[in-house]
Amino acid sequence: MDKPVISGNIITVPSDTIHLAAIDDFMSDKLAEAGVSASVSADIAISVSEAVNNAIEHGNAGDQNKKITVKIEFKGNDLYVSIKDQGKGFDPDSIPNPTDKENLLKKVGRG
């Protein structure tokens, strides 16, 4: 796969930041369809872009042969967004707690 594939409320893209614009457009369209305001939509887009960047950089370790899948769901007044990569994963208990006082001001490694 070398371009984004959209199926309903799911978009799958190659693991490359060049596809962030396609994800932003997808999210904007789905949020607008649901009646989400432009300002709230912009905040959500920033969060999703950051999470996708993390999936590309850390999850898939920059491997452009791997994929990122973003799914958006609305349940009543709740919004659910899931972002999946094809990385090996990690044990979250093996990393320092990002909310501990000594970690609060760190620029990286805070999730």
C-alpha atoms as a PDB file:
ATOM      1  CA  MET A   1       0.000   0.000   0.000  1.00  0.00           C
ATOM      2  CA  ASP A   2       1.429   3.365  -0.957  1.00  0.00           C
ATOM      3  CA  LYS A   3      -1.580   5.609  -0.371  1.00  0.00           C
ATOM      4  CA  PRO A   4      -4.321   6.019   2.236  1.00  0.00           C
ATOM      5  CA  VAL A   5      -7.265   3.624   2.193  1.00  0.00           C
ATOM      6  CA  ILE A   6     -10.573   4.751   3.713  1.00  0.00           C
ATOM      7  CA  SER A   7     -13.329   2.331   4.647  1.00  0.00           C
ATOM      8  CA  GLY A   8     -16.203   3.905   6.558  1.00  0.00           C
ATOM      9  CA  ASN A   9     -14.831   5.296   9.816  1.00  0.00           C
ATOM     10  CA  ILE A  10     -11.364   3.799   9.332  1.00  0.00           C
ATOM     11  CA  ILE A  11      -8.330   5.133   7.489  1.00  0.00           C
ATOM     12  CA  THR A  12      -5.175   3.070   6.962  1.00  0.00           C
ATOM     13  CA  VAL A  13      -1.981   4.724   5.753  1.00  0.00           C
ATOM     14  CA  PRO A  14       1.646   3.759   5.218  1.00  0.00           C
ATOM     15  CA  SER A  15       3.802   4.612   8.228  1.00  0.00           C
ATOM     16  CA  ASP A  16       5.083   7.936   6.887  1.00  0.00           C
ATOM     17  CA  THR A  17       4.427  11.484   8.091  1.00  0.00           C
ATOM     18  CA  ILE A  18       3.637  12.480   4.509  1.00  0.00           C
ATOM     19  CA  HIS A  19       0.177  10.969   5.123  1.00  0.00           C
ATOM     20  CA  LEU A  20      -0.653  13.137   8.157  1.00  0.00           C
ATOM     21  CA  ALA A  21      -2.590  15.558   5.933  1.00  0.00           C
ATOM     22  CA  ALA A  22      -4.812  12.710   4.708  1.00  0.00           C
ATOM     23  CA  ILE A  23      -5.514  11.706   8.307  1.00  0.00           C
ATOM     24  CA  ASP A  24      -6.271  15.335   9.216  1.00  0.00           C
ATOM     25  CA  ASP A  25      -8.697  15.607   6.282  1.00  0.00           C
ATOM     26  CA  PHE A  26     -10.349  12.303   7.217  1.00  0.00           C
ATOM     27  CA  MET A  27     -10.777  13.384  10.839  1.00  0.00           C
ATOM     28  CA  SER A  28     -12.083  16.829   9.857  1.00  0.00           C
ATOM     29  CA  ASP A  29     -14.653  15.295   7.522  1.00  0.00           C
ATOM     30  CA  LYS A  30     -15.877  12.750  10.086  1.00  0.00           C
ATOM     31  CA  LEU A  31     -16.038  15.316  12.885  1.00  0.00           C
ATOM     32  CA  ALA A  32     -17.904  17.807  10.678  1.00  0.00           C
ATOM     33  CA  GLU A  33     -20.392  15.086   9.699  1.00  0.00           C
ATOM     34  CA  ALA A  34     -21.035  14.551  13.413  1.00  0.00           C
ATOM     35  CA  GLY A  35     -21.566  18.272  14.021  1.00  0.00           C
ATOM     36  CA  VAL A  36     -18.391  18.851  16.031  1.00  0.00           C
ATOM     37  CA  SER A  37     -17.400  22.537  16.111  1.00  0.00           C
ATOM     38  CA  ALA A  38     -14.342  23.699  14.182  1.00  0.00           C
ATOM     39  CA  SER A  39     -12.449  24.678  17.346  1.00  0.00           C
ATOM     40  CA  VAL A  40     -13.042  21.320  19.033  1.00  0.00           C
ATOM     41  CA  SER A  41     -12.215  19.552  15.773  1.00  0.00           C
ATOM     42  CA  ALA A  42      -8.886  21.419  15.603  1.00  0.00           C
ATOM     43  CA  ASP A  43      -8.000  20.321  19.154  1.00  0.00           C
ATOM     44  CA  ILE A  44      -8.830  16.707  18.325  1.00  0.00           C
ATOM     45  CA  ALA A  45      -6.774  16.904  15.115  1.00  0.00           C
ATOM     46  CA  ILE A  46      -3.704  18.036  17.073  1.00  0.00           C
ATOM     47  CA  SER A  47      -4.073  15.126  19.488  1.00  0.00           C
ATOM     48  CA  VAL A  48      -4.552  12.591  16.697  1.00  0.00           C
ATOM     49  CA  SER A  49      -1.585  13.971  14.726  1.00  0.00           C
ATOM     50  CA  GLU A  50       0.650  13.689  17.786  1.00  0.00           C
ATOM     51  CA  ALA A  51      -0.500  10.126  18.465  1.00  0.00           C
ATOM     52  CA  VAL A  52       0.026   9.129  14.815  1.00  0.00           C
ATOM     53  CA  ASN A  53       3.500  10.708  14.857  1.00  0.00           C
ATOM     54  CA  ASN A  54       4.313   8.632  17.945  1.00  0.00           C
ATOM     55  CA  ALA A  55       2.995   5.482  16.242  1.00  0.00           C
ATOM     56  CA  ILE A  56       5.191   6.164  13.201  1.00  0.00           C
ATOM     57  CA  GLU A  57       8.325   7.071  15.166  1.00  0.00           C
ATOM     58  CA  HIS A  58       8.114   4.737  18.154  1.00  0.00           C
ATOM     59  CA  GLY A  59       5.609   2.013  17.283  1.00  0.00           C
ATOM     60  CA  ASN A  60       6.680   1.287  13.732  1.00  0.00           C
ATOM     61  CA  ALA A  61      10.204   2.660  14.254  1.00  0.00           C
ATOM     62  CA  GLY A  62       9.970   4.649  11.008  1.00  0.00           C
ATOM     63  CA  ASP A  63       9.419   1.506   8.915  1.00  0.00           C
ATOM     64  CA  GLN A  64       7.441   2.770   5.903  1.00  0.00           C
ATOM     65  CA  ASN A  65       6.467  -0.798   5.000  1.00  0.00           C
ATOM     66  CA  LYS A  66       4.271  -0.905   8.094  1.00  0.00           C
ATOM     67  CA  LYS A  67       0.830   0.674   8.428  1.00  0.00           C
ATOM     68  CA  ILE A  68      -1.042   2.977  10.781  1.00  0.00           C
ATOM     69  CA  THR A  69      -4.805   2.568  11.214  1.00  0.00           C
ATOM     70  CA  VAL A  70      -7.031   5.282  12.677  1.00  0.00           C
ATOM     71  CA  LYS A  71     -10.615   4.499  13.642  1.00  0.00           C
ATOM     72  CA  ILE A  72     -13.167   7.069  14.776  1.00  0.00           C
ATOM     73  CA  GLU A  73     -16.381   6.116  16.575  1.00  0.00           C
ATOM     74  CA  PHE A  74     -19.230   8.115  18.036  1.00  0.00           C
ATOM     75  CA  LYS A  75     -21.298   6.594  20.829  1.00  0.00           C
ATOM     76  CA  GLY A  76     -23.917   9.036  22.053  1.00  0.00           C
ATOM     77  CA  ASN A  77     -22.024  12.166  23.072  1.00  0.00           C
ATOM     78  CA  ASP A  78     -18.727  10.298  23.345  1.00  0.00           C
ATOM     79  CA  LEU A  79     -15.961  10.192  20.759  1.00  0.00           C
ATOM     80  CA  TYR A  80     -13.538   7.272  20.536  1.00  0.00           C
ATOM     81  CA  VAL A  81     -10.406   7.400  18.404  1.00  0.00           C
ATOM     82  CA  SER A  82      -8.075   4.421  18.190  1.00  0.00           C
ATOM     83  CA  ILE A  83      -4.668   4.472  16.546  1.00  0.00           C
ATOM     84  CA  LYS A  84      -2.958   1.179  15.803  1.00  0.00           C
ATOM     85  CA  ASP A  85       0.547   0.555  14.536  1.00  0.00           C
ATOM     86  CA  GLN A  86       2.357  -2.661  13.667  1.00  0.00           C
ATOM     87  CA  GLY A  87       5.159  -2.267  16.187  1.00  0.00           C
ATOM     88  CA  LYS A  88       6.281  -4.834  18.728  1.00  0.00           C
ATOM     89  CA  GLY A  89       4.688  -3.011  21.669  1.00  0.00           C
ATOM     90  CA  PHE A  90       6.123  -2.489  25.141  1.00  0.00           C
ATOM     91  CA  ASP A  91       5.348  -3.089  28.794  1.00  0.00           C
ATOM     92  CA  PRO A  92       4.020   0.228  30.158  1.00  0.00           C
ATOM     93  CA  ASP A  93       5.017  -0.837  33.679  1.00  0.00           C
ATOM     94  CA  SER A  94       8.669  -0.906  32.581  1.00  0.00           C
ATOM     95  CA  ILE A  95       8.876   2.853  31.963  1.00  0.00           C
ATOM     96  CA  PRO A  96       8.944   5.700  34.500  1.00  0.00           C
ATOM     97  CA  ASN A  97       5.601   7.232  35.447  1.00  0.00           C
ATOM     98  CA  PRO A  98       5.328  10.455  33.392  1.00  0.00           C
ATOM     99  CA  THR A  99       3.220  12.068  36.140  1.00  0.00           C
ATOM    100  CA  ASP A 100       5.885  11.655  38.841  1.00  0.00           C
ATOM    101  CA  LYS A 101       7.214  15.025  40.004  1.00  0.00           C
ATOM    102  CA  GLU A 102      10.715  14.432  38.603  1.00  0.00           C
ATOM    103  CA  ASN A 103       9.252  13.655  35.155  1.00  0.00           C
ATOM    104  CA  LEU A 104       6.709  16.474  34.817  1.00  0.00           C
ATOM    105  CA  LEU A 105       9.011  18.969  33.110  1.00  0.00           C
ATOM    106  CA  LYS A 106      10.718  16.544  30.739  1.00  0.00           C
ATOM    107  CA  LYS A 107      10.296  17.453  27.070  1.00  0.00           C
ATOM    108  CA  VAL A 108      10.136  13.828  25.881  1.00  0.00           C
ATOM    109  CA  GLY A 109       9.004  10.517  27.293  1.00  0.00           C
ATOM    110  CA  ARG A 110       5.774  11.810  28.781  1.00  0.00           C
ATOM    111  CA  GLY A 111       3.375   9.884  26.538  1.00  0.00           C
END
